[in-house]
Amino acid sequence: MHIERNQTGDYILESSEIAGRFGLSSDEFRKHMRRGSVMSLVERGEAEDAGTCRLSVKLGNRVWRAVLDGQGRVASEEMTILRKRVRP
């Protein structure tokens, strides 16, 4: 996956690539974005992880995560399915 940064330091992901991670077309993914059902999070590494970054994109019960190395390259990525919480 190719990830860029803009002038303000924000991460830019190619919509077709991230859509594919969720098994969607680019158009389907954009519809979810317009509805506000796509959430993202950037976490910066600290201590021994300084210089790395973790990007998370959540859609429904699925979360795609990528860890970027110090040069901004994808070191690892995973897709997680969140389970429903059972309340006592």
N, C-alpha and C. Protein backbone atom coordinates (compact mmCIF):
# COMPACT_ATOMS: atom_id res chain seq x y z
N MET A 1 0.84 -1.17 0.00
CA MET A 1 0.00 0.00 0.00
C MET A 1 0.89 1.24 0.00
N HIS A 2 0.50 2.21 -0.80
CA HIS A 2 1.24 3.46 -0.89
C HIS A 2 0.57 4.51 -0.01
N ILE A 3 1.33 5.08 0.92
CA ILE A 3 0.81 6.10 1.83
C ILE A 3 1.69 7.34 1.71
N GLU A 4 1.06 8.49 1.51
CA GLU A 4 1.78 9.75 1.38
C GLU A 4 1.41 10.67 2.53
N ARG A 5 2.15 11.77 2.64
CA ARG A 5 1.81 12.82 3.60
C ARG A 5 1.69 14.12 2.85
N ASN A 6 0.71 14.95 3.25
CA ASN A 6 0.55 16.24 2.59
C ASN A 6 1.43 17.29 3.28
N GLN A 7 1.27 18.55 2.88
CA GLN A 7 2.11 19.62 3.39
C GLN A 7 1.94 19.84 4.89
N THR A 8 0.78 19.52 5.43
CA THR A 8 0.54 19.71 6.86
C THR A 8 0.89 18.48 7.70
N GLY A 9 1.36 17.42 7.02
CA GLY A 9 1.77 16.21 7.73
C GLY A 9 0.69 15.16 7.86
N ASP A 10 -0.51 15.42 7.32
CA ASP A 10 -1.59 14.43 7.37
C ASP A 10 -1.29 13.28 6.41
N TYR A 11 -1.72 12.08 6.78
CA TYR A 11 -1.50 10.90 5.94
C TYR A 11 -2.59 10.83 4.88
N ILE A 12 -2.18 10.47 3.68
CA ILE A 12 -3.09 10.34 2.54
C ILE A 12 -3.03 8.89 2.07
N LEU A 13 -4.19 8.23 2.10
CA LEU A 13 -4.29 6.85 1.62
C LEU A 13 -5.07 6.84 0.32
N GLU A 14 -4.65 6.03 -0.61
CA GLU A 14 -5.36 5.89 -1.88
C GLU A 14 -6.69 5.18 -1.61
N SER A 15 -7.81 5.84 -1.99
CA SER A 15 -9.13 5.29 -1.64
C SER A 15 -9.35 3.90 -2.23
N SER A 16 -8.85 3.64 -3.43
CA SER A 16 -9.06 2.32 -4.03
C SER A 16 -8.33 1.23 -3.24
N GLU A 17 -7.15 1.57 -2.71
CA GLU A 17 -6.39 0.58 -1.94
C GLU A 17 -7.05 0.28 -0.61
N ILE A 18 -7.47 1.31 0.12
CA ILE A 18 -8.10 1.06 1.42
C ILE A 18 -9.48 0.42 1.23
N ALA A 19 -10.19 0.81 0.17
CA ALA A 19 -11.48 0.19 -0.13
C ALA A 19 -11.30 -1.31 -0.34
N GLY A 20 -10.25 -1.67 -1.08
CA GLY A 20 -9.98 -3.08 -1.34
C GLY A 20 -9.71 -3.86 -0.07
N ARG A 21 -9.08 -3.22 0.91
CA ARG A 21 -8.82 -3.90 2.19
C ARG A 21 -10.14 -4.29 2.87
N PHE A 22 -11.18 -3.49 2.63
CA PHE A 22 -12.49 -3.76 3.22
C PHE A 22 -13.39 -4.56 2.27
N GLY A 23 -12.86 -4.95 1.12
CA GLY A 23 -13.65 -5.73 0.15
C GLY A 23 -14.69 -4.90 -0.56
N LEU A 24 -14.44 -3.59 -0.70
CA LEU A 24 -15.40 -2.68 -1.33
C LEU A 24 -14.79 -2.03 -2.56
N SER A 25 -15.65 -1.52 -3.43
CA SER A 25 -15.18 -0.70 -4.54
C SER A 25 -14.89 0.70 -3.99
N SER A 26 -14.17 1.49 -4.77
CA SER A 26 -13.88 2.87 -4.35
C SER A 26 -15.16 3.66 -4.15
N ASP A 27 -16.14 3.47 -5.04
CA ASP A 27 -17.42 4.18 -4.92
C ASP A 27 -18.16 3.80 -3.64
N GLU A 28 -18.19 2.50 -3.33
CA GLU A 28 -18.85 2.05 -2.10
C GLU A 28 -18.17 2.64 -0.87
N PHE A 29 -16.84 2.64 -0.89
CA PHE A 29 -16.10 3.17 0.25
C PHE A 29 -16.36 4.67 0.42
N ARG A 30 -16.39 5.41 -0.69
CA ARG A 30 -16.67 6.85 -0.63
C ARG A 30 -18.07 7.13 -0.08
N LYS A 31 -19.04 6.27 -0.42
CA LYS A 31 -20.39 6.43 0.13
C LYS A 31 -20.37 6.31 1.64
N HIS A 32 -19.62 5.33 2.15
CA HIS A 32 -19.49 5.18 3.60
C HIS A 32 -18.83 6.41 4.22
N MET A 33 -17.83 6.95 3.53
CA MET A 33 -17.16 8.15 4.03
C MET A 33 -18.13 9.33 4.09
N ARG A 34 -18.92 9.51 3.04
CA ARG A 34 -19.90 10.63 3.03
C ARG A 34 -20.93 10.48 4.14
N ARG A 35 -21.29 9.24 4.47
CA ARG A 35 -22.25 8.98 5.54
C ARG A 35 -21.64 9.17 6.93
N GLY A 36 -20.32 9.28 6.98
CA GLY A 36 -19.65 9.43 8.27
C GLY A 36 -19.43 8.13 9.00
N SER A 37 -19.51 7.01 8.29
CA SER A 37 -19.35 5.71 8.95
C SER A 37 -17.92 5.19 8.91
N VAL A 38 -16.99 5.97 8.35
CA VAL A 38 -15.58 5.60 8.34
C VAL A 38 -14.86 6.49 9.36
N MET A 39 -14.14 5.87 10.27
CA MET A 39 -13.38 6.62 11.27
C MET A 39 -11.91 6.25 11.14
N SER A 40 -11.05 7.22 11.43
CA SER A 40 -9.62 6.94 11.35
C SER A 40 -8.91 7.51 12.57
N LEU A 41 -7.74 6.94 12.83
CA LEU A 41 -6.95 7.34 13.99
C LEU A 41 -5.47 7.19 13.64
N VAL A 42 -4.66 8.17 14.08
CA VAL A 42 -3.21 8.11 13.91
C VAL A 42 -2.60 8.13 15.29
N GLU A 43 -1.73 7.14 15.56
CA GLU A 43 -1.04 7.06 16.85
C GLU A 43 0.46 7.09 16.58
N ARG A 44 1.14 7.96 17.26
CA ARG A 44 2.59 8.08 17.11
C ARG A 44 3.29 7.19 18.14
N GLY A 45 4.34 6.49 17.69
CA GLY A 45 5.08 5.61 18.58
C GLY A 45 5.88 6.40 19.61
N GLU A 46 6.03 5.81 20.78
CA GLU A 46 6.79 6.43 21.86
C GLU A 46 7.85 5.44 22.36
N ALA A 47 8.81 5.97 23.12
CA ALA A 47 9.90 5.16 23.70
C ALA A 47 10.58 4.35 22.60
N GLU A 48 10.60 3.01 22.74
CA GLU A 48 11.30 2.19 21.74
C GLU A 48 10.61 2.19 20.38
N ASP A 49 9.35 2.66 20.32
CA ASP A 49 8.62 2.74 19.06
C ASP A 49 8.67 4.15 18.45
N ALA A 50 9.45 5.04 19.02
CA ALA A 50 9.55 6.42 18.51
C ALA A 50 9.94 6.40 17.04
N GLY A 51 9.30 7.25 16.27
CA GLY A 51 9.56 7.31 14.83
C GLY A 51 8.59 6.49 14.02
N THR A 52 7.88 5.57 14.66
CA THR A 52 6.88 4.77 13.95
C THR A 52 5.51 5.39 14.15
N CYS A 53 4.56 4.88 13.43
CA CYS A 53 3.21 5.41 13.50
C CYS A 53 2.23 4.28 13.19
N ARG A 54 1.08 4.28 13.87
CA ARG A 54 0.04 3.28 13.57
C ARG A 54 -1.19 4.01 13.05
N LEU A 55 -1.64 3.61 11.87
CA LEU A 55 -2.85 4.15 11.27
C LEU A 55 -3.96 3.13 11.43
N SER A 56 -5.13 3.58 11.84
CA SER A 56 -6.29 2.69 11.97
C SER A 56 -7.46 3.30 11.22
N VAL A 57 -8.16 2.47 10.46
CA VAL A 57 -9.38 2.88 9.76
C VAL A 57 -10.46 1.89 10.14
N LYS A 58 -11.59 2.42 10.67
CA LYS A 58 -12.69 1.57 11.14
C LYS A 58 -13.92 1.79 10.29
N LEU A 59 -14.54 0.70 9.89
CA LEU A 59 -15.80 0.72 9.16
C LEU A 59 -16.65 -0.41 9.69
N GLY A 60 -17.74 -0.07 10.34
CA GLY A 60 -18.60 -1.09 10.95
C GLY A 60 -17.84 -1.84 12.02
N ASN A 61 -17.82 -3.17 11.91
CA ASN A 61 -17.13 -3.98 12.90
C ASN A 61 -15.72 -4.39 12.46
N ARG A 62 -15.22 -3.74 11.40
CA ARG A 62 -13.89 -4.07 10.89
C ARG A 62 -12.92 -2.90 11.09
N VAL A 63 -11.69 -3.24 11.47
CA VAL A 63 -10.64 -2.23 11.65
C VAL A 63 -9.40 -2.68 10.89
N TRP A 64 -8.94 -1.83 9.98
CA TRP A 64 -7.68 -2.06 9.28
C TRP A 64 -6.62 -1.23 9.99
N ARG A 65 -5.48 -1.85 10.30
CA ARG A 65 -4.38 -1.15 10.96
C ARG A 65 -3.09 -1.39 10.18
N ALA A 66 -2.29 -0.32 10.09
CA ALA A 66 -0.97 -0.42 9.48
C ALA A 66 0.03 0.26 10.39
N VAL A 67 1.18 -0.37 10.55
CA VAL A 67 2.29 0.24 11.29
C VAL A 67 3.29 0.73 10.26
N LEU A 68 3.63 2.01 10.35
CA LEU A 68 4.60 2.61 9.44
C LEU A 68 5.95 2.71 10.12
N ASP A 69 6.99 2.42 9.37
CA ASP A 69 8.34 2.54 9.92
C ASP A 69 8.77 4.01 9.91
N GLY A 70 10.00 4.28 10.30
CA GLY A 70 10.50 5.64 10.39
C GLY A 70 10.55 6.39 9.07
N GLN A 71 10.54 5.65 7.94
CA GLN A 71 10.52 6.28 6.62
C GLN A 71 9.12 6.38 6.03
N GLY A 72 8.11 6.01 6.81
CA GLY A 72 6.73 6.10 6.34
C GLY A 72 6.29 4.93 5.49
N ARG A 73 7.06 3.85 5.47
CA ARG A 73 6.68 2.66 4.71
C ARG A 73 5.88 1.73 5.60
N VAL A 74 4.96 0.98 5.00
CA VAL A 74 4.15 0.02 5.75
C VAL A 74 5.03 -1.14 6.18
N ALA A 75 5.21 -1.28 7.49
CA ALA A 75 5.99 -2.38 8.05
C ALA A 75 5.11 -3.61 8.28
N SER A 76 3.85 -3.36 8.63
CA SER A 76 2.89 -4.45 8.82
C SER A 76 1.49 -3.89 8.72
N GLU A 77 0.55 -4.76 8.40
CA GLU A 77 -0.86 -4.37 8.38
C GLU A 77 -1.71 -5.57 8.72
N GLU A 78 -2.91 -5.27 9.24
CA GLU A 78 -3.84 -6.34 9.61
C GLU A 78 -5.27 -5.83 9.54
N MET A 79 -6.19 -6.76 9.35
CA MET A 79 -7.62 -6.46 9.40
C MET A 79 -8.18 -7.24 10.58
N THR A 80 -8.92 -6.55 11.43
CA THR A 80 -9.51 -7.17 12.61
C THR A 80 -11.02 -7.04 12.55
N ILE A 81 -11.70 -8.10 12.94
CA ILE A 81 -13.16 -8.08 13.08
C ILE A 81 -13.46 -7.93 14.57
N LEU A 82 -14.18 -6.87 14.91
CA LEU A 82 -14.52 -6.63 16.31
C LEU A 82 -15.74 -7.46 16.69
N ARG A 83 -15.66 -8.07 17.84
CA ARG A 83 -16.79 -8.85 18.34
C ARG A 83 -17.70 -7.95 19.15
N LYS A 84 -18.95 -8.30 19.16
CA LYS A 84 -19.92 -7.56 19.94
C LYS A 84 -19.67 -7.79 21.41
N ARG A 85 -19.74 -6.73 22.18
CA ARG A 85 -19.57 -6.87 23.63
C ARG A 85 -20.84 -7.41 24.27
N VAL A 86 -20.64 -8.35 25.16
CA VAL A 86 -21.78 -8.92 25.88
C VAL A 86 -21.82 -8.24 27.25
N ARG A 87 -22.93 -7.61 27.54
CA ARG A 87 -23.06 -6.93 28.83
C ARG A 87 -23.70 -7.85 29.86
N PRO A 88 -23.14 -7.80 31.07
CA PRO A 88 -23.67 -8.70 32.11
C PRO A 88 -25.08 -8.31 32.56
